[in-house]
Amino acid sequence: MMITTQPGLGHRQVEAFERLAPTVRAEPGCLQYDLHRVADDPDRFVLLEEWASREALAAHDVTPHMIEAGTANPSFRAAPAQVLELSPDPVA
Protein backbone atom coordinates (compact mmCIF):
# COMPACT_ATOMS: atom_id res chain seq x y z
CA MET A 1 0.00 0.00 0.00
CA MET A 2 1.38 3.41 -0.98
CA ILE A 3 0.54 6.26 1.43
CA THR A 4 1.21 9.96 0.92
CA THR A 5 0.50 12.47 3.65
CA GLN A 6 -0.11 16.16 3.33
CA PRO A 7 3.20 18.10 3.31
CA GLY A 8 4.81 18.08 6.73
CA LEU A 9 2.33 15.59 8.24
CA GLY A 10 4.29 12.35 7.81
CA HIS A 11 4.81 12.23 11.57
CA ARG A 12 1.03 11.87 12.02
CA GLN A 13 1.04 8.77 9.81
CA VAL A 14 3.84 7.29 11.92
CA GLU A 15 1.97 8.08 15.16
CA ALA A 16 -1.26 6.55 13.83
CA PHE A 17 0.59 3.43 12.69
CA GLU A 18 2.36 3.02 16.03
CA ARG A 19 -1.00 3.11 17.86
CA LEU A 20 -2.67 0.69 15.44
CA ALA A 21 0.09 -1.83 14.67
CA PRO A 22 -0.01 -3.90 17.90
CA THR A 23 -3.76 -4.44 17.53
CA VAL A 24 -3.53 -5.36 13.85
CA ARG A 25 -0.56 -7.68 14.39
CA ALA A 26 -2.62 -9.55 17.01
CA GLU A 27 -5.47 -10.21 14.57
CA PRO A 28 -5.99 -13.80 13.40
CA GLY A 29 -4.22 -14.34 10.10
CA CYS A 30 -1.93 -11.30 10.24
CA LEU A 31 1.52 -12.42 9.08
CA GLN A 32 3.08 -8.99 8.47
CA TYR A 33 2.12 -5.38 9.12
CA ASP A 34 5.08 -3.00 8.67
CA LEU A 35 5.34 0.66 7.70
CA HIS A 36 8.38 1.90 5.75
CA ARG A 37 9.18 5.52 4.92
CA VAL A 38 10.18 6.18 1.31
CA ALA A 39 13.85 7.23 1.30
CA ASP A 40 14.33 11.00 1.20
CA ASP A 41 10.60 11.78 1.48
CA PRO A 42 9.19 12.21 5.01
CA ASP A 43 5.62 12.28 3.70
CA ARG A 44 5.53 9.04 1.66
CA PHE A 45 5.26 5.50 3.00
CA VAL A 46 4.82 1.89 1.97
CA LEU A 47 2.73 -0.32 4.24
CA LEU A 48 3.51 -4.00 3.77
CA GLU A 49 0.73 -6.33 4.86
CA GLU A 50 0.61 -10.07 4.55
CA TRP A 51 -2.43 -12.11 5.52
CA ALA A 52 -2.90 -15.86 5.82
CA SER A 53 -6.00 -15.74 3.62
CA ARG A 54 -8.34 -13.40 1.79
CA GLU A 55 -10.90 -14.13 4.52
CA ALA A 56 -8.48 -12.89 7.21
CA LEU A 57 -7.88 -9.71 5.23
CA ALA A 58 -11.60 -9.19 4.71
CA ALA A 59 -12.22 -9.60 8.45
CA HIS A 60 -9.41 -7.11 9.17
CA ASP A 61 -10.96 -4.50 6.90
CA VAL A 62 -14.19 -4.38 8.94
CA THR A 63 -12.72 -4.35 12.45
CA PRO A 64 -13.72 -1.37 14.59
CA HIS A 65 -10.12 -0.15 14.83
CA MET A 66 -9.73 -0.11 11.04
CA ILE A 67 -13.05 1.64 10.55
CA GLU A 68 -11.97 4.26 13.10
CA ALA A 69 -8.58 4.66 11.38
CA GLY A 70 -10.34 5.12 8.06
CA THR A 71 -12.25 8.10 9.43
CA ALA A 72 -9.11 9.70 10.95
CA ASN A 73 -6.70 9.18 8.04
CA PRO A 74 -8.12 11.91 5.75
CA SER A 75 -7.10 14.54 8.33
CA PHE A 76 -3.42 14.01 7.43
CA ARG A 77 -3.29 12.01 4.19
CA ALA A 78 -3.00 13.77 0.84
CA ALA A 79 -5.15 11.15 -0.91
CA PRO A 80 -6.57 7.69 -0.29
CA ALA A 81 -3.92 4.99 0.02
CA GLN A 82 -3.06 3.17 -3.19
CA VAL A 83 -3.48 -0.58 -2.62
CA LEU A 84 -1.25 -2.89 -4.66
CA GLU A 85 -1.96 -6.61 -4.44
CA LEU A 86 1.21 -8.57 -5.05
CA SER A 87 1.44 -12.03 -6.51
CA PRO A 88 2.41 -14.62 -3.87
CA ASP A 89 5.11 -15.93 -6.23
CA PRO A 90 8.35 -13.95 -6.66
CA VAL A 91 9.35 -13.14 -10.22
CA ALA A 92 12.91 -14.30 -9.80
PDB file of N, CA and C in Angstrom:
ATOM      1  N   MET A   1       0.853  -1.155   0.000  1.00  0.00           N
ATOM      2  CA  MET A   1       0.000   0.000   0.000  1.00  0.00           C
ATOM      3  C   MET A   1       0.904   1.224   0.000  1.00  0.00           C
ATOM      4  N   MET A   2       0.642   2.153  -0.911  1.00  0.00           N
ATOM      5  CA  MET A   2       1.378   3.411  -0.975  1.00  0.00           C
ATOM      6  C   MET A   2       0.553   4.483  -0.253  1.00  0.00           C
ATOM      7  N   ILE A   3       1.216   5.222   0.636  1.00  0.00           N
ATOM      8  CA  ILE A   3       0.543   6.258   1.428  1.00  0.00           C
ATOM      9  C   ILE A   3       1.316   7.559   1.275  1.00  0.00           C
ATOM     10  N   THR A   4       0.615   8.636   0.980  1.00  0.00           N
ATOM     11  CA  THR A   4       1.213   9.963   0.925  1.00  0.00           C
ATOM     12  C   THR A   4       0.435  10.867   1.864  1.00  0.00           C
ATOM     13  N   THR A   5       1.168  11.543   2.738  1.00  0.00           N
ATOM     14  CA  THR A   5       0.502  12.475   3.649  1.00  0.00           C
ATOM     15  C   THR A   5       0.577  13.892   3.088  1.00  0.00           C
ATOM     16  N   GLN A   6      -0.207  14.757   3.671  1.00  0.00           N
ATOM     17  CA  GLN A   6      -0.107  16.164   3.328  1.00  0.00           C
ATOM     18  C   GLN A   6       1.294  16.643   3.720  1.00  0.00           C
ATOM     19  N   PRO A   7       1.838  17.631   3.022  1.00  0.00           N
ATOM     20  CA  PRO A   7       3.199  18.100   3.310  1.00  0.00           C
ATOM     21  C   PRO A   7       3.402  18.410   4.796  1.00  0.00           C
ATOM     22  N   GLY A   8       4.454  17.834   5.339  1.00  0.00           N
ATOM     23  CA  GLY A   8       4.810  18.078   6.733  1.00  0.00           C
ATOM     24  C   GLY A   8       4.043  17.252   7.750  1.00  0.00           C
ATOM     25  N   LEU A   9       3.150  16.367   7.301  1.00  0.00           N
ATOM     26  CA  LEU A   9       2.328  15.590   8.237  1.00  0.00           C
ATOM     27  C   LEU A   9       2.695  14.109   8.284  1.00  0.00           C
ATOM     28  N   GLY A  10       3.847  13.747   7.765  1.00  0.00           N
ATOM     29  CA  GLY A  10       4.287  12.354   7.813  1.00  0.00           C
ATOM     30  C   GLY A  10       4.355  11.813   9.227  1.00  0.00           C
ATOM     31  N   HIS A  11       4.722  12.677  10.170  1.00  0.00           N
ATOM     32  CA  HIS A  11       4.807  12.233  11.572  1.00  0.00           C
ATOM     33  C   HIS A  11       3.454  11.755  12.092  1.00  0.00           C
ATOM     34  N   ARG A  12       2.366  12.312  11.569  1.00  0.00           N
ATOM     35  CA  ARG A  12       1.034  11.871  12.018  1.00  0.00           C
ATOM     36  C   ARG A  12       0.726  10.464  11.508  1.00  0.00           C
ATOM     37  N   GLN A  13       1.219  10.134  10.313  1.00  0.00           N
ATOM     38  CA  GLN A  13       1.044   8.769   9.809  1.00  0.00           C
ATOM     39  C   GLN A  13       1.811   7.796  10.692  1.00  0.00           C
ATOM     40  N   VAL A  14       3.026   8.153  11.064  1.00  0.00           N
ATOM     41  CA  VAL A  14       3.842   7.289  11.920  1.00  0.00           C
ATOM     42  C   VAL A  14       3.158   7.099  13.268  1.00  0.00           C
ATOM     43  N   GLU A  15       2.646   8.163  13.861  1.00  0.00           N
ATOM     44  CA  GLU A  15       1.967   8.080  15.156  1.00  0.00           C
ATOM     45  C   GLU A  15       0.731   7.186  15.061  1.00  0.00           C
ATOM     46  N   ALA A  16      -0.051   7.358  14.001  1.00  0.00           N
ATOM     47  CA  ALA A  16      -1.264   6.546  13.826  1.00  0.00           C
ATOM     48  C   ALA A  16      -0.890   5.072  13.668  1.00  0.00           C
ATOM     49  N   PHE A  17       0.155   4.805  12.889  1.00  0.00           N
ATOM     50  CA  PHE A  17       0.588   3.427  12.693  1.00  0.00           C
ATOM     51  C   PHE A  17       1.057   2.813  14.006  1.00  0.00           C
ATOM     52  N   GLU A  18       1.836   3.553  14.770  1.00  0.00           N
ATOM     53  CA  GLU A  18       2.357   3.019  16.035  1.00  0.00           C
ATOM     54  C   GLU A  18       1.239   2.669  17.015  1.00  0.00           C
ATOM     55  N   ARG A  19       0.145   3.428  16.991  1.00  0.00           N
ATOM     56  CA  ARG A  19      -1.002   3.109  17.855  1.00  0.00           C
ATOM     57  C   ARG A  19      -1.745   1.875  17.355  1.00  0.00           C
ATOM     58  N   LEU A  20      -1.854   1.737  16.051  1.00  0.00           N
ATOM     59  CA  LEU A  20      -2.671   0.692  15.439  1.00  0.00           C
ATOM     60  C   LEU A  20      -1.950  -0.646  15.290  1.00  0.00           C
ATOM     61  N   ALA A  21      -0.662  -0.619  15.033  1.00  0.00           N
ATOM     62  CA  ALA A  21       0.090  -1.829  14.673  1.00  0.00           C
ATOM     63  C   ALA A  21      -0.036  -2.979  15.672  1.00  0.00           C
ATOM     64  N   PRO A  22       0.098  -2.751  16.983  1.00  0.00           N
ATOM     65  CA  PRO A  22      -0.008  -3.900  17.896  1.00  0.00           C
ATOM     66  C   PRO A  22      -1.361  -4.606  17.814  1.00  0.00           C
ATOM     67  N   THR A  23      -2.420  -3.852  17.636  1.00  0.00           N
ATOM     68  CA  THR A  23      -3.758  -4.439  17.533  1.00  0.00           C
ATOM     69  C   THR A  23      -3.891  -5.235  16.239  1.00  0.00           C
ATOM     70  N   VAL A  24      -3.426  -4.663  15.131  1.00  0.00           N
ATOM     71  CA  VAL A  24      -3.528  -5.359  13.845  1.00  0.00           C
ATOM     72  C   VAL A  24      -2.672  -6.618  13.860  1.00  0.00           C
ATOM     73  N   ARG A  25      -1.461  -6.522  14.375  1.00  0.00           N
ATOM     74  CA  ARG A  25      -0.564  -7.685  14.390  1.00  0.00           C
ATOM     75  C   ARG A  25      -1.116  -8.828  15.235  1.00  0.00           C
ATOM     76  N   ALA A  26      -2.009  -8.522  16.164  1.00  0.00           N
ATOM     77  CA  ALA A  26      -2.624  -9.546  17.012  1.00  0.00           C
ATOM     78  C   ALA A  26      -3.855 -10.180  16.361  1.00  0.00           C
ATOM     79  N   GLU A  27      -4.293  -9.662  15.237  1.00  0.00           N
ATOM     80  CA  GLU A  27      -5.471 -10.207  14.569  1.00  0.00           C
ATOM     81  C   GLU A  27      -5.175 -11.596  14.003  1.00  0.00           C
ATOM     82  N   PRO A  28      -6.181 -12.478  14.016  1.00  0.00           N
ATOM     83  CA  PRO A  28      -5.992 -13.799  13.401  1.00  0.00           C
ATOM     84  C   PRO A  28      -5.634 -13.654  11.924  1.00  0.00           C
ATOM     85  N   GLY A  29      -4.597 -14.342  11.510  1.00  0.00           N
ATOM     86  CA  GLY A  29      -4.216 -14.339  10.104  1.00  0.00           C
ATOM     87  C   GLY A  29      -3.237 -13.255   9.693  1.00  0.00           C
ATOM     88  N   CYS A  30      -2.895 -12.342  10.585  1.00  0.00           N
ATOM     89  CA  CYS A  30      -1.930 -11.302  10.238  1.00  0.00           C
ATOM     90  C   CYS A  30      -0.520 -11.892  10.298  1.00  0.00           C
ATOM     91  N   LEU A  31       0.163 -11.896   9.163  1.00  0.00           N
ATOM     92  CA  LEU A  31       1.523 -12.421   9.076  1.00  0.00           C
ATOM     93  C   LEU A  31       2.562 -11.299   9.058  1.00  0.00           C
ATOM     94  N   GLN A  32       2.169 -10.144   8.534  1.00  0.00           N
ATOM     95  CA  GLN A  32       3.078  -8.993   8.468  1.00  0.00           C
ATOM     96  C   GLN A  32       2.263  -7.716   8.415  1.00  0.00           C
ATOM     97  N   TYR A  33       2.745  -6.698   9.137  1.00  0.00           N
ATOM     98  CA  TYR A  33       2.121  -5.375   9.115  1.00  0.00           C
ATOM     99  C   TYR A  33       3.216  -4.379   9.480  1.00  0.00           C
ATOM    100  N   ASP A  34       3.913  -3.848   8.457  1.00  0.00           N
ATOM    101  CA  ASP A  34       5.077  -3.001   8.671  1.00  0.00           C
ATOM    102  C   ASP A  34       5.018  -1.755   7.800  1.00  0.00           C
ATOM    103  N   LEU A  35       5.330  -0.617   8.399  1.00  0.00           N
ATOM    104  CA  LEU A  35       5.343   0.664   7.698  1.00  0.00           C
ATOM    105  C   LEU A  35       6.789   1.051   7.410  1.00  0.00           C
ATOM    106  N   HIS A  36       7.046   1.444   6.167  1.00  0.00           N
ATOM    107  CA  HIS A  36       8.379   1.896   5.752  1.00  0.00           C
ATOM    108  C   HIS A  36       8.249   3.286   5.130  1.00  0.00           C
ATOM    109  N   ARG A  37       9.148   4.188   5.529  1.00  0.00           N
ATOM    110  CA  ARG A  37       9.175   5.520   4.918  1.00  0.00           C
ATOM    111  C   ARG A  37       9.938   5.410   3.594  1.00  0.00           C
ATOM    112  N   VAL A  38       9.466   6.109   2.578  1.00  0.00           N
ATOM    113  CA  VAL A  38      10.183   6.181   1.310  1.00  0.00           C
ATOM    114  C   VAL A  38      11.432   7.027   1.548  1.00  0.00           C
ATOM    115  N   ALA A  39      12.581   6.532   1.088  1.00  0.00           N
ATOM    116  CA  ALA A  39      13.846   7.235   1.298  1.00  0.00           C
ATOM    117  C   ALA A  39      13.759   8.670   0.776  1.00  0.00           C
ATOM    118  N   ASP A  40      14.247   9.587   1.574  1.00  0.00           N
ATOM    119  CA  ASP A  40      14.326  11.004   1.202  1.00  0.00           C
ATOM    120  C   ASP A  40      12.975  11.699   1.030  1.00  0.00           C
ATOM    121  N   ASP A  41      11.908  11.106   1.551  1.00  0.00           N
ATOM    122  CA  ASP A  41      10.601  11.775   1.479  1.00  0.00           C
ATOM    123  C   ASP A  41       9.839  11.499   2.769  1.00  0.00           C
ATOM    124  N   PRO A  42       9.820  12.448   3.706  1.00  0.00           N
ATOM    125  CA  PRO A  42       9.192  12.214   5.007  1.00  0.00           C
ATOM    126  C   PRO A  42       7.670  12.100   4.974  1.00  0.00           C
ATOM    127  N   ASP A  43       7.083  12.309   3.805  1.00  0.00           N
ATOM    128  CA  ASP A  43       5.625  12.277   3.703  1.00  0.00           C
ATOM    129  C   ASP A  43       5.100  11.149   2.822  1.00  0.00           C
ATOM    130  N   ARG A  44       5.966  10.186   2.470  1.00  0.00           N
ATOM    131  CA  ARG A  44       5.531   9.038   1.662  1.00  0.00           C
ATOM    132  C   ARG A  44       5.957   7.747   2.347  1.00  0.00           C
ATOM    133  N   PHE A  45       5.069   6.752   2.286  1.00  0.00           N
ATOM    134  CA  PHE A  45       5.265   5.497   3.002  1.00  0.00           C
ATOM    135  C   PHE A  45       4.792   4.320   2.162  1.00  0.00           C
ATOM    136  N   VAL A  46       5.325   3.154   2.505  1.00  0.00           N
ATOM    137  CA  VAL A  46       4.822   1.891   1.973  1.00  0.00           C
ATOM    138  C   VAL A  46       4.438   1.045   3.185  1.00  0.00           C
ATOM    139  N   LEU A  47       3.208   0.579   3.195  1.00  0.00           N
ATOM    140  CA  LEU A  47       2.733  -0.319   4.243  1.00  0.00           C
ATOM    141  C   LEU A  47       2.682  -1.717   3.647  1.00  0.00           C
ATOM    142  N   LEU A  48       3.490  -2.617   4.222  1.00  0.00           N
ATOM    143  CA  LEU A  48       3.507  -4.000   3.771  1.00  0.00           C
ATOM    144  C   LEU A  48       2.635  -4.827   4.699  1.00  0.00           C
ATOM    145  N   GLU A  49       1.636  -5.450   4.111  1.00  0.00           N
ATOM    146  CA  GLU A  49       0.734  -6.327   4.859  1.00  0.00           C
ATOM    147  C   GLU A  49       0.753  -7.699   4.216  1.00  0.00           C
ATOM    148  N   GLU A  50       0.762  -8.710   5.051  1.00  0.00           N
ATOM    149  CA  GLU A  50       0.607 -10.075   4.550  1.00  0.00           C
ATOM    150  C   GLU A  50      -0.396 -10.778   5.444  1.00  0.00           C
ATOM    151  N   TRP A  51      -1.350 -11.444   4.806  1.00  0.00           N
ATOM    152  CA  TRP A  51      -2.432 -12.114   5.520  1.00  0.00           C
ATOM    153  C   TRP A  51      -2.472 -13.579   5.124  1.00  0.00           C
ATOM    154  N   ALA A  52      -2.856 -14.416   6.041  1.00  0.00           N
ATOM    155  CA  ALA A  52      -2.897 -15.859   5.818  1.00  0.00           C
ATOM    156  C   ALA A  52      -3.928 -16.250   4.762  1.00  0.00           C
ATOM    157  N   SER A  53      -4.954 -15.426   4.590  1.00  0.00           N
ATOM    158  CA  SER A  53      -6.002 -15.742   3.619  1.00  0.00           C
ATOM    159  C   SER A  53      -6.756 -14.468   3.264  1.00  0.00           C
ATOM    160  N   ARG A  54      -7.482 -14.538   2.179  1.00  0.00           N
ATOM    161  CA  ARG A  54      -8.344 -13.404   1.791  1.00  0.00           C
ATOM    162  C   ARG A  54      -9.426 -13.169   2.849  1.00  0.00           C
ATOM    163  N   GLU A  55      -9.873 -14.255   3.481  1.00  0.00           N
ATOM    164  CA  GLU A  55     -10.897 -14.126   4.525  1.00  0.00           C
ATOM    165  C   GLU A  55     -10.348 -13.356   5.728  1.00  0.00           C
ATOM    166  N   ALA A  56      -9.093 -13.622   6.088  1.00  0.00           N
ATOM    167  CA  ALA A  56      -8.482 -12.892   7.213  1.00  0.00           C
ATOM    168  C   ALA A  56      -8.357 -11.417   6.882  1.00  0.00           C
ATOM    169  N   LEU A  57      -7.973 -11.110   5.652  1.00  0.00           N
ATOM    170  CA  LEU A  57      -7.878  -9.707   5.232  1.00  0.00           C
ATOM    171  C   LEU A  57      -9.252  -9.051   5.229  1.00  0.00           C
ATOM    172  N   ALA A  58     -10.246  -9.751   4.737  1.00  0.00           N
ATOM    173  CA  ALA A  58     -11.602  -9.193   4.711  1.00  0.00           C
ATOM    174  C   ALA A  58     -12.101  -8.918   6.121  1.00  0.00           C
ATOM    175  N   ALA A  59     -11.816  -9.821   7.053  1.00  0.00           N
ATOM    176  CA  ALA A  59     -12.217  -9.604   8.447  1.00  0.00           C
ATOM    177  C   ALA A  59     -11.481  -8.404   9.033  1.00  0.00           C
ATOM    178  N   HIS A  60     -10.209  -8.253   8.703  1.00  0.00           N
ATOM    179  CA  HIS A  60      -9.409  -7.115   9.170  1.00  0.00           C
ATOM    180  C   HIS A  60     -10.014  -5.787   8.717  1.00  0.00           C
ATOM    181  N   ASP A  61     -10.444  -5.747   7.473  1.00  0.00           N
ATOM    182  CA  ASP A  61     -10.963  -4.497   6.899  1.00  0.00           C
ATOM    183  C   ASP A  61     -12.204  -3.968   7.603  1.00  0.00           C
ATOM    184  N   VAL A  62     -12.941  -4.824   8.296  1.00  0.00           N
ATOM    185  CA  VAL A  62     -14.187  -4.381   8.939  1.00  0.00           C
ATOM    186  C   VAL A  62     -14.091  -4.363  10.468  1.00  0.00           C
ATOM    187  N   THR A  63     -12.870  -4.438  11.000  1.00  0.00           N
ATOM    188  CA  THR A  63     -12.719  -4.349  12.455  1.00  0.00           C
ATOM    189  C   THR A  63     -12.986  -2.912  12.897  1.00  0.00           C
ATOM    190  N   PRO A  64     -13.466  -2.731  14.120  1.00  0.00           N
ATOM    191  CA  PRO A  64     -13.724  -1.367  14.592  1.00  0.00           C
ATOM    192  C   PRO A  64     -12.493  -0.463  14.536  1.00  0.00           C
ATOM    193  N   HIS A  65     -11.315  -1.003  14.841  1.00  0.00           N
ATOM    194  CA  HIS A  65     -10.117  -0.153  14.832  1.00  0.00           C
ATOM    195  C   HIS A  65      -9.747   0.295  13.411  1.00  0.00           C
ATOM    196  N   MET A  66     -10.024  -0.531  12.405  1.00  0.00           N
ATOM    197  CA  MET A  66      -9.733  -0.108  11.039  1.00  0.00           C
ATOM    198  C   MET A  66     -10.784   0.872  10.525  1.00  0.00           C
ATOM    199  N   ILE A  67     -12.009   0.688  10.922  1.00  0.00           N
ATOM    200  CA  ILE A  67     -13.053   1.643  10.548  1.00  0.00           C
ATOM    201  C   ILE A  67     -12.744   3.002  11.163  1.00  0.00           C
ATOM    202  N   GLU A  68     -12.336   3.007  12.428  1.00  0.00           N
ATOM    203  CA  GLU A  68     -11.968   4.258  13.100  1.00  0.00           C
ATOM    204  C   GLU A  68     -10.771   4.918  12.415  1.00  0.00           C
ATOM    205  N   ALA A  69      -9.757   4.114  12.065  1.00  0.00           N
ATOM    206  CA  ALA A  69      -8.578   4.656  11.378  1.00  0.00           C
ATOM    207  C   ALA A  69      -8.969   5.268  10.036  1.00  0.00           C
ATOM    208  N   GLY A  70      -9.888   4.615   9.356  1.00  0.00           N
ATOM    209  CA  GLY A  70     -10.344   5.125   8.064  1.00  0.00           C
ATOM    210  C   GLY A  70     -11.008   6.482   8.148  1.00  0.00           C
ATOM    211  N   THR A  71     -11.624   6.786   9.278  1.00  0.00           N
ATOM    212  CA  THR A  71     -12.246   8.100   9.431  1.00  0.00           C
ATOM    213  C   THR A  71     -11.226   9.159   9.834  1.00  0.00           C
ATOM    214  N   ALA A  72     -10.129   8.751  10.503  1.00  0.00           N
ATOM    215  CA  ALA A  72      -9.109   9.703  10.947  1.00  0.00           C
ATOM    216  C   ALA A  72      -8.077   9.995   9.865  1.00  0.00           C
ATOM    217  N   ASN A  73      -7.769   9.028   9.025  1.00  0.00           N
ATOM    218  CA  ASN A  73      -6.700   9.183   8.038  1.00  0.00           C
ATOM    219  C   ASN A  73      -6.841  10.398   7.124  1.00  0.00           C
ATOM    220  N   PRO A  74      -8.023  10.754   6.651  1.00  0.00           N
ATOM    221  CA  PRO A  74      -8.118  11.909   5.748  1.00  0.00           C
ATOM    222  C   PRO A  74      -7.653  13.237   6.376  1.00  0.00           C
ATOM    223  N   SER A  75      -7.536  13.286   7.695  1.00  0.00           N
ATOM    224  CA  SER A  75      -7.099  14.536   8.329  1.00  0.00           C
ATOM    225  C   SER A  75      -5.610  14.807   8.104  1.00  0.00           C
ATOM    226  N   PHE A  76      -4.846  13.787   7.690  1.00  0.00           N
ATOM    227  CA  PHE A  76      -3.419  14.009   7.433  1.00  0.00           C
ATOM    228  C   PHE A  76      -2.932  13.409   6.113  1.00  0.00           C
ATOM    229  N   ARG A  77      -3.724  12.598   5.468  1.00  0.00           N
ATOM    230  CA  ARG A  77      -3.292  12.014   4.192  1.00  0.00           C
ATOM    231  C   ARG A  77      -3.653  12.930   3.030  1.00  0.00           C
ATOM    232  N   ALA A  78      -2.784  12.933   2.016  1.00  0.00           N
ATOM    233  CA  ALA A  78      -2.998  13.770   0.841  1.00  0.00           C
ATOM    234  C   ALA A  78      -4.057  13.179  -0.089  1.00  0.00           C
ATOM    235  N   ALA A  79      -4.209  11.854  -0.043  1.00  0.00           N
ATOM    236  CA  ALA A  79      -5.155  11.146  -0.913  1.00  0.00           C
ATOM    237  C   ALA A  79      -5.388   9.773  -0.299  1.00  0.00           C
ATOM    238  N   PRO A  80      -6.395   9.065  -0.776  1.00  0.00           N
ATOM    239  CA  PRO A  80      -6.570   7.690  -0.292  1.00  0.00           C
ATOM    240  C   PRO A  80      -5.327   6.857  -0.601  1.00  0.00           C
ATOM    241  N   ALA A  81      -5.050   5.885   0.240  1.00  0.00           N
ATOM    242  CA  ALA A  81      -3.917   4.990   0.023  1.00  0.00           C
ATOM    243  C   ALA A  81      -4.121   4.212  -1.275  1.00  0.00           C
ATOM    244  N   GLN A  82      -3.024   3.957  -1.961  1.00  0.00           N
ATOM    245  CA  GLN A  82      -3.064   3.167  -3.187  1.00  0.00           C
ATOM    246  C   GLN A  82      -2.711   1.725  -2.831  1.00  0.00           C
ATOM    247  N   VAL A  83      -3.678   0.828  -2.977  1.00  0.00           N
ATOM    248  CA  VAL A  83      -3.482  -0.577  -2.622  1.00  0.00           C
ATOM    249  C   VAL A  83      -2.945  -1.320  -3.836  1.00  0.00           C
ATOM    250  N   LEU A  84      -1.854  -2.049  -3.616  1.00  0.00           N
ATOM    251  CA  LEU A  84      -1.251  -2.886  -4.655  1.00  0.00           C
ATOM    252  C   LEU A  84      -1.259  -4.320  -4.147  1.00  0.00           C
ATOM    253  N   GLU A  85      -1.965  -5.194  -4.835  1.00  0.00           N
ATOM    254  CA  GLU A  85      -1.963  -6.607  -4.436  1.00  0.00           C
ATOM    255  C   GLU A  85      -0.849  -7.303  -5.190  1.00  0.00           C
ATOM    256  N   LEU A  86       0.066  -7.897  -4.444  1.00  0.00           N
ATOM    257  CA  LEU A  86       1.209  -8.566  -5.047  1.00  0.00           C
ATOM    258  C   LEU A  86       0.935 -10.047  -5.242  1.00  0.00           C
ATOM    259  N   SER A  87       1.514 -10.603  -6.263  1.00  0.00           N
ATOM    260  CA  SER A  87       1.443 -12.034  -6.514  1.00  0.00           C
ATOM    261  C   SER A  87       2.186 -12.749  -5.380  1.00  0.00           C
ATOM    262  N   PRO A  88       1.702 -13.894  -4.941  1.00  0.00           N
ATOM    263  CA  PRO A  88       2.415 -14.619  -3.875  1.00  0.00           C
ATOM    264  C   PRO A  88       3.721 -15.234  -4.358  1.00  0.00           C
ATOM    265  N   ASP A  89       3.910 -15.306  -5.678  1.00  0.00           N
ATOM    266  CA  ASP A  89       5.108 -15.930  -6.229  1.00  0.00           C
ATOM    267  C   ASP A  89       6.097 -14.872  -6.693  1.00  0.00           C
ATOM    268  N   PRO A  90       7.346 -14.911  -6.184  1.00  0.00           N
ATOM    269  CA  PRO A  90       8.346 -13.955  -6.657  1.00  0.00           C
ATOM    270  C   PRO A  90       8.650 -14.149  -8.133  1.00  0.00           C
ATOM    271  N   VAL A  91       9.023 -13.087  -8.800  1.00  0.00           N
ATOM    272  CA  VAL A  91       9.345 -13.141 -10.224  1.00  0.00           C
ATOM    273  C   VAL A  91      10.644 -13.898 -10.451  1.00  0.00           C
ATOM    274  N   ALA A  92      11.616 -13.632  -9.629  1.00  0.00           N
ATOM    275  CA  ALA A  92      12.912 -14.304  -9.802  1.00  0.00           C
ATOM    276  C   ALA A  92      13.438 -14.766  -8.464  1.00  0.00           C
TER     277      ALA A  92
END
